[in-house]
Amino acid sequence: MPEPRLIVPPCGAMTAHAFRLHPGEKLMPALKQAAEIILARSKCESAFIVTAVGSLERATIRLANASRTDGDDTGGNDIKTHNQRFEIVSLVGTFSADGSGCHVHISLSDAEGNTIGGHLMDGTIFTTCEIVMGTAEDVKFTRIMDDSTGYNELEVIQLPKQQSDAWKAIPAALMILAAGFIAGRLKAR
């Protein structure tokens, strides 16, 4: 096995975006729509779920490394739908602005405290779902085929630092201030 190499991860300033989903709303489409709106509004290239609390009355999840039981022999993972109430114990995921995809996992706890989890396919909100999503400036999430896994996997790219519009205006403001000062000094002579 090769020696792990030190990777300095891309970084950028984080901004939090909080919202609430209501009873009956579909979780996965709402997450995708929220990420799309947040990414467009923030002009960032990456979004991720920071935290979430709430409950579902129906959940569809894909199980990792499980044999399908629905007769599909393509080697895909098993997908299960649960029609019962759950508390959301954990909800995590990444979203790409370039449309290359999202990847969301969920952990759910039933009325007896038993926990299930996997790749979120969809869910229906029971009472509420309070979500905080984050964006990272100057960081881009995209997905590329990884031949070692056979899946499109996350690639994180450091983008060049973007100057905010306020900082771009400072040199011009200083020039105007200096010109005014010089003109005032010349007039005073």
N, C-alpha and C. Protein backbone atom coordinates (compact mmCIF):
# COMPACT_ATOMS: atom_id res chain seq x y z
N MET A 1 0.84 -1.18 0.00
CA MET A 1 0.00 0.00 0.00
C MET A 1 0.89 1.24 0.00
N PRO A 2 0.61 2.20 -0.89
CA PRO A 2 1.46 3.40 -0.94
C PRO A 2 1.32 4.24 0.32
N GLU A 3 2.41 4.92 0.62
CA GLU A 3 2.44 5.83 1.77
C GLU A 3 1.49 7.00 1.51
N PRO A 4 0.61 7.35 2.48
CA PRO A 4 -0.29 8.49 2.26
C PRO A 4 0.54 9.76 2.08
N ARG A 5 0.10 10.61 1.16
CA ARG A 5 0.81 11.86 0.95
C ARG A 5 0.03 12.99 1.60
N LEU A 6 0.78 13.95 2.12
CA LEU A 6 0.17 15.09 2.78
C LEU A 6 -0.46 15.99 1.72
N ILE A 7 -1.72 16.28 1.89
CA ILE A 7 -2.43 17.15 0.97
C ILE A 7 -2.93 18.35 1.75
N VAL A 8 -2.56 19.53 1.31
CA VAL A 8 -3.07 20.75 1.93
C VAL A 8 -4.39 21.05 1.24
N PRO A 9 -5.49 20.94 1.95
CA PRO A 9 -6.80 21.07 1.31
C PRO A 9 -7.12 22.50 0.91
N PRO A 10 -7.88 22.66 -0.18
CA PRO A 10 -8.35 23.99 -0.55
C PRO A 10 -9.16 24.60 0.59
N CYS A 11 -9.15 25.93 0.67
CA CYS A 11 -9.88 26.59 1.75
C CYS A 11 -10.46 27.90 1.26
N GLY A 12 -11.44 28.38 2.00
CA GLY A 12 -12.07 29.65 1.70
C GLY A 12 -13.00 30.04 2.83
N ALA A 13 -13.34 31.30 2.88
CA ALA A 13 -14.24 31.80 3.92
C ALA A 13 -15.61 31.13 3.78
N MET A 14 -16.18 30.74 4.91
CA MET A 14 -17.47 30.05 4.92
C MET A 14 -18.59 31.02 5.27
N THR A 15 -19.73 30.83 4.60
CA THR A 15 -20.95 31.57 4.91
C THR A 15 -22.05 30.56 5.19
N ALA A 16 -22.85 30.81 6.22
CA ALA A 16 -23.94 29.90 6.59
C ALA A 16 -25.26 30.42 6.01
N HIS A 17 -26.10 29.48 5.55
CA HIS A 17 -27.42 29.78 4.99
C HIS A 17 -28.42 28.85 5.68
N ALA A 18 -29.33 29.41 6.47
CA ALA A 18 -30.27 28.60 7.26
C ALA A 18 -31.68 28.69 6.68
N PHE A 19 -32.38 27.56 6.70
CA PHE A 19 -33.76 27.53 6.23
C PHE A 19 -34.48 26.36 6.87
N ARG A 20 -35.82 26.35 6.71
CA ARG A 20 -36.65 25.31 7.31
C ARG A 20 -37.56 24.71 6.24
N LEU A 21 -37.71 23.38 6.30
CA LEU A 21 -38.67 22.69 5.46
C LEU A 21 -39.89 22.33 6.30
N HIS A 22 -41.05 22.26 5.66
CA HIS A 22 -42.32 22.09 6.36
C HIS A 22 -42.90 20.70 6.11
N PRO A 23 -43.92 20.31 6.92
CA PRO A 23 -44.54 18.99 6.76
C PRO A 23 -44.98 18.73 5.32
N GLY A 24 -44.66 17.51 4.86
CA GLY A 24 -45.07 17.09 3.52
C GLY A 24 -44.08 17.42 2.42
N GLU A 25 -43.11 18.30 2.69
CA GLU A 25 -42.14 18.65 1.66
C GLU A 25 -41.19 17.48 1.41
N LYS A 26 -40.71 17.37 0.18
CA LYS A 26 -39.77 16.31 -0.21
C LYS A 26 -38.36 16.80 0.08
N LEU A 27 -37.59 16.03 0.83
CA LEU A 27 -36.29 16.45 1.31
C LEU A 27 -35.26 16.62 0.20
N MET A 28 -35.05 15.61 -0.63
CA MET A 28 -33.97 15.68 -1.62
C MET A 28 -34.20 16.78 -2.65
N PRO A 29 -35.39 16.90 -3.25
CA PRO A 29 -35.59 18.01 -4.18
C PRO A 29 -35.42 19.38 -3.51
N ALA A 30 -35.84 19.49 -2.25
CA ALA A 30 -35.70 20.76 -1.54
C ALA A 30 -34.22 21.09 -1.31
N LEU A 31 -33.42 20.08 -0.96
CA LEU A 31 -31.99 20.31 -0.76
C LEU A 31 -31.32 20.77 -2.06
N LYS A 32 -31.66 20.09 -3.16
CA LYS A 32 -31.07 20.45 -4.46
C LYS A 32 -31.47 21.87 -4.86
N GLN A 33 -32.74 22.22 -4.66
CA GLN A 33 -33.22 23.56 -5.01
C GLN A 33 -32.55 24.61 -4.13
N ALA A 34 -32.47 24.34 -2.83
CA ALA A 34 -31.83 25.30 -1.92
C ALA A 34 -30.37 25.49 -2.30
N ALA A 35 -29.66 24.41 -2.60
CA ALA A 35 -28.25 24.51 -2.99
C ALA A 35 -28.10 25.33 -4.27
N GLU A 36 -28.98 25.10 -5.23
CA GLU A 36 -28.93 25.84 -6.50
C GLU A 36 -29.12 27.34 -6.26
N ILE A 37 -30.11 27.69 -5.44
CA ILE A 37 -30.39 29.10 -5.14
C ILE A 37 -29.22 29.72 -4.36
N ILE A 38 -28.74 29.02 -3.35
CA ILE A 38 -27.64 29.53 -2.52
C ILE A 38 -26.39 29.72 -3.35
N LEU A 39 -26.07 28.76 -4.21
CA LEU A 39 -24.86 28.86 -5.03
C LEU A 39 -24.97 30.02 -6.02
N ALA A 40 -26.14 30.20 -6.60
CA ALA A 40 -26.34 31.30 -7.55
C ALA A 40 -26.24 32.65 -6.83
N ARG A 41 -26.86 32.75 -5.67
CA ARG A 41 -26.87 34.01 -4.92
C ARG A 41 -25.49 34.36 -4.37
N SER A 42 -24.76 33.35 -3.93
CA SER A 42 -23.46 33.60 -3.30
C SER A 42 -22.32 33.67 -4.30
N LYS A 43 -22.57 33.23 -5.53
CA LYS A 43 -21.53 33.15 -6.56
C LYS A 43 -20.38 32.25 -6.12
N CYS A 44 -20.67 31.27 -5.27
CA CYS A 44 -19.68 30.28 -4.85
C CYS A 44 -19.83 29.04 -5.74
N GLU A 45 -18.82 28.19 -5.71
CA GLU A 45 -18.81 26.99 -6.54
C GLU A 45 -19.06 25.71 -5.73
N SER A 46 -19.23 25.85 -4.41
CA SER A 46 -19.42 24.67 -3.57
C SER A 46 -20.38 24.97 -2.43
N ALA A 47 -21.18 23.98 -2.10
CA ALA A 47 -22.07 24.08 -0.94
C ALA A 47 -22.05 22.74 -0.22
N PHE A 48 -22.41 22.77 1.05
CA PHE A 48 -22.39 21.56 1.86
C PHE A 48 -23.36 21.73 3.02
N ILE A 49 -23.83 20.61 3.53
CA ILE A 49 -24.74 20.64 4.68
C ILE A 49 -23.89 20.69 5.94
N VAL A 50 -24.13 21.72 6.75
CA VAL A 50 -23.39 21.90 8.00
C VAL A 50 -24.10 21.12 9.12
N THR A 51 -25.40 21.29 9.23
CA THR A 51 -26.17 20.60 10.26
C THR A 51 -27.64 20.56 9.86
N ALA A 52 -28.36 19.63 10.44
CA ALA A 52 -29.80 19.54 10.20
C ALA A 52 -30.44 18.77 11.35
N VAL A 53 -31.65 19.20 11.72
CA VAL A 53 -32.47 18.48 12.69
C VAL A 53 -33.89 18.46 12.16
N GLY A 54 -34.60 17.41 12.47
CA GLY A 54 -35.98 17.33 12.03
C GLY A 54 -36.48 15.90 12.04
N SER A 55 -37.56 15.68 11.29
CA SER A 55 -38.15 14.35 11.26
C SER A 55 -38.73 14.04 9.89
N LEU A 56 -38.77 12.76 9.57
CA LEU A 56 -39.33 12.28 8.31
C LEU A 56 -40.46 11.31 8.61
N GLU A 57 -41.42 11.19 7.68
CA GLU A 57 -42.46 10.18 7.81
C GLU A 57 -42.28 9.10 6.74
N ARG A 58 -41.35 9.31 5.85
CA ARG A 58 -41.03 8.35 4.80
C ARG A 58 -39.61 8.62 4.36
N ALA A 59 -38.81 7.58 4.15
CA ALA A 59 -37.42 7.75 3.73
C ALA A 59 -37.04 6.67 2.74
N THR A 60 -36.36 7.08 1.69
CA THR A 60 -35.80 6.14 0.72
C THR A 60 -34.29 6.33 0.73
N ILE A 61 -33.57 5.25 1.04
CA ILE A 61 -32.11 5.32 1.11
C ILE A 61 -31.49 4.18 0.32
N ARG A 62 -30.31 4.46 -0.21
CA ARG A 62 -29.54 3.42 -0.90
C ARG A 62 -28.48 2.93 0.07
N LEU A 63 -28.39 1.62 0.20
CA LEU A 63 -27.47 1.03 1.15
C LEU A 63 -26.13 0.74 0.48
N ALA A 64 -25.06 1.04 1.17
CA ALA A 64 -23.72 0.82 0.62
C ALA A 64 -23.33 -0.65 0.74
N ASN A 65 -22.67 -1.14 -0.28
CA ASN A 65 -22.10 -2.50 -0.27
C ASN A 65 -23.12 -3.57 0.07
N ALA A 66 -24.36 -3.37 -0.35
CA ALA A 66 -25.40 -4.37 -0.09
C ALA A 66 -25.82 -4.99 -1.41
N SER A 67 -26.20 -6.24 -1.38
CA SER A 67 -26.70 -6.90 -2.57
C SER A 67 -28.15 -6.51 -2.77
N ARG A 68 -28.51 -6.21 -4.00
CA ARG A 68 -29.89 -5.84 -4.29
C ARG A 68 -30.80 -7.04 -4.07
N THR A 69 -31.98 -6.75 -3.55
CA THR A 69 -32.95 -7.82 -3.30
C THR A 69 -34.18 -7.67 -4.18
N ASP A 70 -34.15 -6.70 -5.12
CA ASP A 70 -35.33 -6.45 -5.94
C ASP A 70 -35.25 -7.15 -7.30
N GLY A 71 -34.32 -8.11 -7.45
CA GLY A 71 -34.22 -8.86 -8.69
C GLY A 71 -33.30 -8.23 -9.72
N ASP A 72 -32.81 -7.02 -9.46
CA ASP A 72 -31.89 -6.37 -10.39
C ASP A 72 -30.51 -7.00 -10.21
N ASP A 73 -29.98 -7.58 -11.27
CA ASP A 73 -28.69 -8.26 -11.17
C ASP A 73 -27.54 -7.44 -11.75
N THR A 74 -27.71 -6.12 -11.80
CA THR A 74 -26.67 -5.26 -12.36
C THR A 74 -25.55 -4.99 -11.37
N GLY A 75 -25.67 -5.47 -10.16
CA GLY A 75 -24.64 -5.28 -9.16
C GLY A 75 -24.77 -3.99 -8.38
N GLY A 76 -25.87 -3.26 -8.58
CA GLY A 76 -26.08 -2.00 -7.85
C GLY A 76 -26.40 -2.26 -6.40
N ASN A 77 -26.42 -1.19 -5.63
CA ASN A 77 -26.73 -1.30 -4.21
C ASN A 77 -28.24 -1.35 -4.00
N ASP A 78 -28.64 -1.95 -2.90
CA ASP A 78 -30.05 -2.10 -2.54
C ASP A 78 -30.64 -0.75 -2.16
N ILE A 79 -31.86 -0.49 -2.60
CA ILE A 79 -32.59 0.73 -2.26
C ILE A 79 -33.81 0.32 -1.46
N LYS A 80 -33.99 0.95 -0.29
CA LYS A 80 -35.12 0.61 0.58
C LYS A 80 -35.93 1.85 0.91
N THR A 81 -37.25 1.68 0.90
CA THR A 81 -38.16 2.74 1.31
C THR A 81 -38.79 2.34 2.63
N HIS A 82 -38.76 3.24 3.58
CA HIS A 82 -39.32 3.01 4.91
C HIS A 82 -40.49 3.98 5.10
N ASN A 83 -41.68 3.43 5.32
CA ASN A 83 -42.88 4.25 5.56
C ASN A 83 -43.16 4.28 7.05
N GLN A 84 -42.37 5.05 7.77
CA GLN A 84 -42.56 5.22 9.21
C GLN A 84 -41.90 6.53 9.62
N ARG A 85 -42.15 6.95 10.84
CA ARG A 85 -41.60 8.20 11.33
C ARG A 85 -40.19 8.00 11.87
N PHE A 86 -39.32 8.95 11.54
CA PHE A 86 -37.93 8.92 11.98
C PHE A 86 -37.50 10.30 12.44
N GLU A 87 -36.57 10.34 13.38
CA GLU A 87 -35.84 11.56 13.71
C GLU A 87 -34.59 11.57 12.83
N ILE A 88 -34.23 12.73 12.32
CA ILE A 88 -32.98 12.85 11.58
C ILE A 88 -31.86 13.00 12.59
N VAL A 89 -30.98 12.01 12.61
CA VAL A 89 -29.85 12.01 13.53
C VAL A 89 -28.66 12.73 12.89
N SER A 90 -28.52 12.58 11.59
CA SER A 90 -27.43 13.22 10.86
C SER A 90 -27.83 13.39 9.41
N LEU A 91 -27.44 14.49 8.82
CA LEU A 91 -27.66 14.75 7.40
C LEU A 91 -26.44 15.51 6.91
N VAL A 92 -25.69 14.91 5.98
CA VAL A 92 -24.46 15.51 5.48
C VAL A 92 -24.42 15.39 3.97
N GLY A 93 -23.73 16.32 3.31
CA GLY A 93 -23.63 16.20 1.87
C GLY A 93 -22.91 17.36 1.23
N THR A 94 -22.58 17.16 -0.06
CA THR A 94 -21.91 18.17 -0.86
C THR A 94 -22.70 18.42 -2.14
N PHE A 95 -22.60 19.67 -2.65
CA PHE A 95 -23.32 20.09 -3.85
C PHE A 95 -22.36 20.88 -4.73
N SER A 96 -22.42 20.65 -6.03
CA SER A 96 -21.53 21.31 -6.99
C SER A 96 -22.30 22.33 -7.82
N ALA A 97 -21.74 23.51 -7.98
CA ALA A 97 -22.39 24.55 -8.78
C ALA A 97 -22.36 24.23 -10.27
N ASP A 98 -21.39 23.41 -10.70
CA ASP A 98 -21.26 23.13 -12.13
C ASP A 98 -22.26 22.06 -12.61
N GLY A 99 -23.15 21.64 -11.73
CA GLY A 99 -24.16 20.66 -12.12
C GLY A 99 -23.65 19.23 -12.14
N SER A 100 -22.41 19.01 -11.69
CA SER A 100 -21.87 17.66 -11.73
C SER A 100 -22.43 16.75 -10.64
N GLY A 101 -23.22 17.32 -9.73
CA GLY A 101 -23.91 16.44 -8.81
C GLY A 101 -23.90 16.85 -7.36
N CYS A 102 -24.59 16.03 -6.62
CA CYS A 102 -24.64 16.17 -5.17
C CYS A 102 -24.49 14.78 -4.58
N HIS A 103 -24.10 14.74 -3.33
CA HIS A 103 -23.90 13.47 -2.64
C HIS A 103 -24.35 13.68 -1.20
N VAL A 104 -25.45 13.03 -0.81
CA VAL A 104 -26.05 13.27 0.50
C VAL A 104 -26.26 11.94 1.23
N HIS A 105 -25.85 11.90 2.50
CA HIS A 105 -26.08 10.75 3.36
C HIS A 105 -26.93 11.17 4.54
N ILE A 106 -27.70 10.21 5.06
CA ILE A 106 -28.59 10.48 6.18
C ILE A 106 -28.54 9.34 7.18
N SER A 107 -28.67 9.67 8.46
CA SER A 107 -28.86 8.69 9.52
C SER A 107 -30.18 9.02 10.19
N LEU A 108 -30.99 7.98 10.42
CA LEU A 108 -32.33 8.14 10.97
C LEU A 108 -32.51 7.23 12.17
N SER A 109 -33.28 7.69 13.15
CA SER A 109 -33.57 6.91 14.34
C SER A 109 -35.07 6.71 14.45
N ASP A 110 -35.50 5.45 14.72
CA ASP A 110 -36.93 5.16 14.83
C ASP A 110 -37.42 5.37 16.26
N ALA A 111 -38.67 5.02 16.53
CA ALA A 111 -39.30 5.25 17.83
C ALA A 111 -38.62 4.50 18.97
N GLU A 112 -37.87 3.45 18.64
CA GLU A 112 -37.17 2.67 19.67
C GLU A 112 -35.69 3.00 19.74
N GLY A 113 -35.26 3.98 18.97
CA GLY A 113 -33.86 4.38 18.99
C GLY A 113 -32.97 3.59 18.04
N ASN A 114 -33.56 2.69 17.26
CA ASN A 114 -32.77 1.97 16.27
C ASN A 114 -32.40 2.92 15.14
N THR A 115 -31.18 2.81 14.67
CA THR A 115 -30.69 3.74 13.66
C THR A 115 -30.40 3.03 12.35
N ILE A 116 -30.79 3.69 11.26
CA ILE A 116 -30.47 3.22 9.91
C ILE A 116 -29.86 4.40 9.17
N GLY A 117 -29.19 4.10 8.09
CA GLY A 117 -28.62 5.20 7.32
C GLY A 117 -28.11 4.73 5.99
N GLY A 118 -27.79 5.70 5.15
CA GLY A 118 -27.24 5.43 3.84
C GLY A 118 -27.33 6.65 2.97
N HIS A 119 -27.23 6.42 1.67
CA HIS A 119 -27.29 7.48 0.67
C HIS A 119 -28.75 7.92 0.52
N LEU A 120 -29.03 9.21 0.77
CA LEU A 120 -30.40 9.71 0.69
C LEU A 120 -30.88 9.75 -0.75
N MET A 121 -31.96 9.05 -1.02
CA MET A 121 -32.62 9.12 -2.32
C MET A 121 -33.77 10.12 -2.23
N ASP A 122 -34.55 10.04 -1.14
CA ASP A 122 -35.62 11.00 -0.88
C ASP A 122 -36.22 10.76 0.49
N GLY A 123 -37.03 11.68 0.92
CA GLY A 123 -37.73 11.58 2.19
C GLY A 123 -38.83 12.61 2.22
N THR A 124 -39.82 12.38 3.06
CA THR A 124 -40.93 13.31 3.22
C THR A 124 -40.89 13.84 4.65
N ILE A 125 -40.91 15.17 4.78
CA ILE A 125 -40.82 15.81 6.09
C ILE A 125 -42.08 15.49 6.90
N PHE A 126 -41.90 15.10 8.17
CA PHE A 126 -43.01 14.84 9.07
C PHE A 126 -43.42 16.14 9.78
N THR A 127 -42.56 16.67 10.65
CA THR A 127 -42.91 17.90 11.35
C THR A 127 -42.11 19.10 10.85
N THR A 128 -40.82 18.92 10.72
CA THR A 128 -39.94 20.02 10.31
C THR A 128 -38.60 19.45 9.89
N CYS A 129 -37.83 20.26 9.22
CA CYS A 129 -36.41 19.97 8.99
C CYS A 129 -35.71 21.32 8.94
N GLU A 130 -34.89 21.58 9.95
CA GLU A 130 -34.14 22.83 10.07
C GLU A 130 -32.73 22.56 9.57
N ILE A 131 -32.34 23.28 8.52
CA ILE A 131 -31.08 22.97 7.83
C ILE A 131 -30.20 24.21 7.78
N VAL A 132 -28.91 24.00 7.99
CA VAL A 132 -27.92 25.04 7.76
C VAL A 132 -26.98 24.50 6.69
N MET A 133 -26.91 25.22 5.57
CA MET A 133 -25.97 24.88 4.51
C MET A 133 -24.86 25.91 4.52
N GLY A 134 -23.69 25.48 4.12
CA GLY A 134 -22.55 26.38 4.03
C GLY A 134 -22.04 26.50 2.61
N THR A 135 -21.41 27.62 2.33
CA THR A 135 -20.69 27.81 1.08
C THR A 135 -19.26 28.19 1.44
N ALA A 136 -18.33 27.83 0.57
CA ALA A 136 -16.93 28.18 0.78
C ALA A 136 -16.43 28.98 -0.42
N GLU A 137 -16.00 30.21 -0.15
CA GLU A 137 -15.46 31.05 -1.22
C GLU A 137 -14.18 30.44 -1.75
N ASP A 138 -13.96 30.57 -3.04
CA ASP A 138 -12.71 30.18 -3.69
C ASP A 138 -12.43 28.69 -3.64
N VAL A 139 -13.48 27.89 -3.42
CA VAL A 139 -13.35 26.43 -3.44
C VAL A 139 -14.40 25.89 -4.40
N LYS A 140 -13.97 25.00 -5.29
CA LYS A 140 -14.90 24.42 -6.26
C LYS A 140 -15.01 22.92 -6.04
N PHE A 141 -16.26 22.44 -5.96
CA PHE A 141 -16.53 21.01 -5.92
C PHE A 141 -16.93 20.59 -7.33
N THR A 142 -16.36 19.52 -7.80
CA THR A 142 -16.78 18.92 -9.06
C THR A 142 -16.67 17.41 -8.90
N ARG A 143 -17.14 16.67 -9.86
CA ARG A 143 -17.07 15.22 -9.78
C ARG A 143 -16.42 14.69 -11.04
N ILE A 144 -15.47 13.78 -10.84
CA ILE A 144 -14.79 13.15 -11.97
C ILE A 144 -14.78 11.65 -11.76
N MET A 145 -14.73 10.92 -12.87
CA MET A 145 -14.70 9.45 -12.79
C MET A 145 -13.40 9.00 -12.14
N ASP A 146 -13.55 8.16 -11.14
CA ASP A 146 -12.40 7.56 -10.45
C ASP A 146 -12.35 6.10 -10.88
N ASP A 147 -11.38 5.75 -11.67
CA ASP A 147 -11.30 4.38 -12.19
C ASP A 147 -11.14 3.34 -11.09
N SER A 148 -10.59 3.74 -9.94
CA SER A 148 -10.40 2.78 -8.85
C SER A 148 -11.72 2.43 -8.16
N THR A 149 -12.74 3.32 -8.22
CA THR A 149 -14.02 3.03 -7.59
C THR A 149 -15.11 2.77 -8.62
N GLY A 150 -14.94 3.29 -9.84
CA GLY A 150 -15.96 3.15 -10.86
C GLY A 150 -17.09 4.17 -10.73
N TYR A 151 -16.89 5.17 -9.90
CA TYR A 151 -17.92 6.19 -9.67
C TYR A 151 -17.35 7.58 -9.92
N ASN A 152 -18.24 8.54 -10.18
CA ASN A 152 -17.84 9.94 -10.20
C ASN A 152 -17.62 10.36 -8.76
N GLU A 153 -16.39 10.74 -8.45
CA GLU A 153 -16.03 11.09 -7.07
C GLU A 153 -15.69 12.57 -6.97
N LEU A 154 -15.79 13.08 -5.76
CA LEU A 154 -15.55 14.49 -5.48
C LEU A 154 -14.11 14.87 -5.78
N GLU A 155 -13.95 15.99 -6.48
CA GLU A 155 -12.65 16.62 -6.66
C GLU A 155 -12.80 18.05 -6.14
N VAL A 156 -11.91 18.44 -5.24
CA VAL A 156 -11.97 19.77 -4.64
C VAL A 156 -10.82 20.59 -5.22
N ILE A 157 -11.17 21.77 -5.73
CA ILE A 157 -10.21 22.62 -6.42
C ILE A 157 -10.13 23.98 -5.72
N GLN A 158 -8.90 24.44 -5.49
CA GLN A 158 -8.70 25.79 -4.95
C GLN A 158 -8.77 26.77 -6.11
N LEU A 159 -9.68 27.72 -6.03
CA LEU A 159 -9.81 28.76 -7.04
C LEU A 159 -8.97 29.96 -6.63
N PRO A 160 -8.57 30.80 -7.60
CA PRO A 160 -7.84 32.02 -7.23
C PRO A 160 -8.72 32.89 -6.33
N LYS A 161 -8.09 33.56 -5.39
CA LYS A 161 -8.83 34.46 -4.48
C LYS A 161 -9.51 35.55 -5.30
N GLN A 162 -10.77 35.79 -5.00
CA GLN A 162 -11.54 36.83 -5.67
C GLN A 162 -11.59 38.06 -4.78
N GLN A 163 -11.22 39.21 -5.32
CA GLN A 163 -11.36 40.45 -4.56
C GLN A 163 -12.82 40.82 -4.51
N SER A 164 -13.28 41.22 -3.34
CA SER A 164 -14.67 41.68 -3.26
C SER A 164 -14.77 43.02 -3.97
N ASP A 165 -15.95 43.40 -4.40
CA ASP A 165 -16.16 44.66 -5.10
C ASP A 165 -15.78 45.86 -4.23
N ALA A 166 -15.97 45.74 -2.92
CA ALA A 166 -15.62 46.85 -2.02
C ALA A 166 -14.12 47.10 -2.06
N TRP A 167 -13.31 46.05 -2.04
CA TRP A 167 -11.86 46.21 -2.07
C TRP A 167 -11.40 46.75 -3.42
N LYS A 168 -12.09 46.41 -4.49
CA LYS A 168 -11.72 46.92 -5.81
C LYS A 168 -11.91 48.43 -5.89
N ALA A 169 -12.85 48.96 -5.12
CA ALA A 169 -13.16 50.39 -5.16
C ALA A 169 -12.16 51.22 -4.35
N ILE A 170 -11.42 50.61 -3.46
CA ILE A 170 -10.51 51.37 -2.59
C ILE A 170 -9.43 52.11 -3.38
N PRO A 171 -8.71 51.47 -4.33
CA PRO A 171 -7.70 52.24 -5.06
C PRO A 171 -8.29 53.46 -5.77
N ALA A 172 -9.45 53.31 -6.39
CA ALA A 172 -10.08 54.44 -7.08
C ALA A 172 -10.45 55.53 -6.08
N ALA A 173 -10.97 55.15 -4.92
CA ALA A 173 -11.34 56.13 -3.90
C ALA A 173 -10.10 56.86 -3.39
N LEU A 174 -9.00 56.15 -3.22
CA LEU A 174 -7.76 56.78 -2.77
C LEU A 174 -7.23 57.77 -3.81
N MET A 175 -7.35 57.40 -5.09
CA MET A 175 -6.90 58.30 -6.16
C MET A 175 -7.73 59.59 -6.15
N ILE A 176 -9.03 59.45 -5.99
CA ILE A 176 -9.91 60.63 -5.96
C ILE A 176 -9.58 61.48 -4.74
N LEU A 177 -9.37 60.85 -3.61
CA LEU A 177 -9.02 61.57 -2.38
C LEU A 177 -7.69 62.31 -2.55
N ALA A 178 -6.70 61.63 -3.11
CA ALA A 178 -5.39 62.25 -3.33
C ALA A 178 -5.50 63.42 -4.31
N ALA A 179 -6.27 63.22 -5.40
CA ALA A 179 -6.44 64.30 -6.38
C ALA A 179 -7.12 65.50 -5.73
N GLY A 180 -8.11 65.25 -4.91
CA GLY A 180 -8.79 66.33 -4.20
C GLY A 180 -7.86 67.05 -3.25
N PHE A 181 -7.04 66.31 -2.55
CA PHE A 181 -6.09 66.90 -1.61
C PHE A 181 -5.08 67.78 -2.36
N ILE A 182 -4.54 67.26 -3.46
CA ILE A 182 -3.56 68.01 -4.26
C ILE A 182 -4.21 69.27 -4.84
N ALA A 183 -5.42 69.12 -5.38
CA ALA A 183 -6.12 70.29 -5.96
C ALA A 183 -6.37 71.34 -4.89
N GLY A 184 -6.75 70.91 -3.68
CA GLY A 184 -6.97 71.83 -2.57
C GLY A 184 -5.70 72.55 -2.17
N ARG A 185 -4.58 71.84 -2.15
CA ARG A 185 -3.28 72.44 -1.78
C ARG A 185 -2.84 73.44 -2.84
N LEU A 186 -3.07 73.10 -4.13
CA LEU A 186 -2.68 74.01 -5.20
C LEU A 186 -3.54 75.27 -5.17
N LYS A 187 -4.81 75.14 -4.89
CA LYS A 187 -5.74 76.26 -4.84
C LYS A 187 -5.38 77.21 -3.69
N ALA A 188 -4.89 76.63 -2.58
CA ALA A 188 -4.55 77.42 -1.40
C ALA A 188 -3.32 78.28 -1.64
N ARG A 189 -2.51 77.99 -2.61
CA ARG A 189 -1.28 78.77 -2.89
C ARG A 189 -1.62 80.04 -3.48
